[in-house]
Amino acid sequence: MNKFCQSCGMPMKKDPQGGGTNSDGTKNTDYCSYCYQQGAFKNPDFTAKQMQDFCIVKMQEMGMPKFIGWLFTRNIPRLKRWKNS
């Protein structure tokens, strides 16, 4: 299992479902359940920048300063989902 979701960068241990699901219902160890369900991305049209902005907003909703959100999301463009985009 990857240590971090390869779409949003969230630590996989923080995923309450322990990972996303493939189309056959098996667990996907690359992507979290917030990003990947039933073999498809939940936001298929997102760019890496849109995912970064989305995650920063979610972290701000949880009480984190915007700067900390940026620090945690700055590597999103280097993750597996976005590498070849």
Protein backbone atom coordinates (compact mmCIF):
# COMPACT_ATOMS: atom_id res chain seq x y z
CA MET A 1 0.00 0.00 0.00
CA ASN A 2 1.19 3.51 -0.80
CA LYS A 3 1.74 5.75 2.18
CA PHE A 4 -0.15 8.60 0.51
CA CYS A 5 -3.05 8.79 -1.94
CA GLN A 6 -1.58 9.16 -5.41
CA SER A 7 -4.28 11.67 -6.36
CA CYS A 8 -4.70 14.06 -3.40
CA GLY A 9 -1.67 13.23 -1.22
CA MET A 10 -3.69 12.41 1.90
CA PRO A 11 -2.03 9.89 4.22
CA MET A 12 -3.71 6.55 3.46
CA LYS A 13 -3.90 5.78 7.19
CA LYS A 14 -6.33 8.72 7.50
CA ASP A 15 -8.76 7.17 5.00
CA PRO A 16 -11.68 5.73 7.01
CA GLN A 17 -12.31 3.12 4.30
CA GLY A 18 -8.67 2.12 3.91
CA GLY A 19 -8.46 3.03 0.22
CA GLY A 20 -10.63 3.44 -2.83
CA THR A 21 -12.28 0.59 -4.70
CA ASN A 22 -11.66 -0.94 -8.10
CA SER A 23 -14.50 -1.72 -10.51
CA ASP A 24 -14.62 -5.31 -9.20
CA GLY A 25 -15.02 -4.08 -5.61
CA THR A 26 -11.48 -4.87 -4.47
CA LYS A 27 -9.47 -2.27 -2.56
CA ASN A 28 -7.24 0.08 -4.52
CA THR A 29 -4.04 0.83 -2.63
CA ASP A 30 -2.97 3.77 -4.81
CA TYR A 31 -5.94 6.07 -4.24
CA CYS A 32 -8.07 7.00 -1.22
CA SER A 33 -11.84 6.51 -1.02
CA TYR A 34 -12.37 10.27 -1.34
CA CYS A 35 -10.72 10.26 -4.79
CA TYR A 36 -11.45 6.82 -6.26
CA GLN A 37 -14.59 4.66 -6.13
CA GLN A 38 -15.72 1.70 -8.24
CA GLY A 39 -12.75 1.99 -10.60
CA ALA A 40 -13.15 5.69 -11.41
CA PHE A 41 -11.97 9.03 -10.09
CA LYS A 42 -14.67 11.03 -8.32
CA ASN A 43 -13.50 14.23 -10.03
CA PRO A 44 -12.30 12.94 -13.41
CA ASP A 45 -12.00 16.39 -14.99
CA PHE A 46 -9.83 17.90 -12.23
CA THR A 47 -6.35 19.12 -13.05
CA ALA A 48 -3.54 18.82 -10.50
CA LYS A 49 -3.98 22.53 -9.70
CA GLN A 50 -7.74 22.09 -9.16
CA MET A 51 -7.08 19.14 -6.83
CA GLN A 52 -4.56 21.23 -4.91
CA ASP A 53 -7.03 24.12 -4.55
CA PHE A 54 -9.82 21.71 -3.52
CA CYS A 55 -7.64 20.10 -0.83
CA ILE A 56 -6.50 23.47 0.53
CA VAL A 57 -10.14 24.54 0.96
CA LYS A 58 -10.97 21.24 2.72
CA MET A 59 -8.03 21.70 5.10
CA GLN A 60 -9.10 25.30 5.80
CA GLU A 61 -12.57 23.97 6.66
CA MET A 62 -10.84 21.72 9.21
CA GLY A 63 -9.17 24.78 10.77
CA MET A 64 -5.75 24.72 9.09
CA PRO A 65 -4.21 27.96 7.83
CA LYS A 66 -4.07 28.30 4.03
CA PHE A 67 -0.26 28.30 4.08
CA ILE A 68 -0.17 24.92 5.85
CA GLY A 69 -2.65 23.58 3.30
CA TRP A 70 -0.36 24.74 0.52
CA LEU A 71 2.63 23.05 2.19
CA PHE A 72 0.74 19.75 2.41
CA THR A 73 -0.46 19.91 -1.20
CA ARG A 74 2.57 21.31 -3.03
CA ASN A 75 3.63 17.83 -4.22
CA ILE A 76 0.28 16.91 -5.79
CA PRO A 77 1.55 17.49 -9.37
CA ARG A 78 4.26 14.84 -8.75
CA LEU A 79 1.81 12.11 -7.68
CA LYS A 80 1.06 9.10 -9.92
CA ARG A 81 -2.31 10.42 -11.17
CA TRP A 82 -0.85 13.73 -12.37
CA LYS A 83 2.72 12.83 -13.37
CA ASN A 84 2.03 12.45 -17.09
CA SER A 85 -0.59 15.21 -17.37
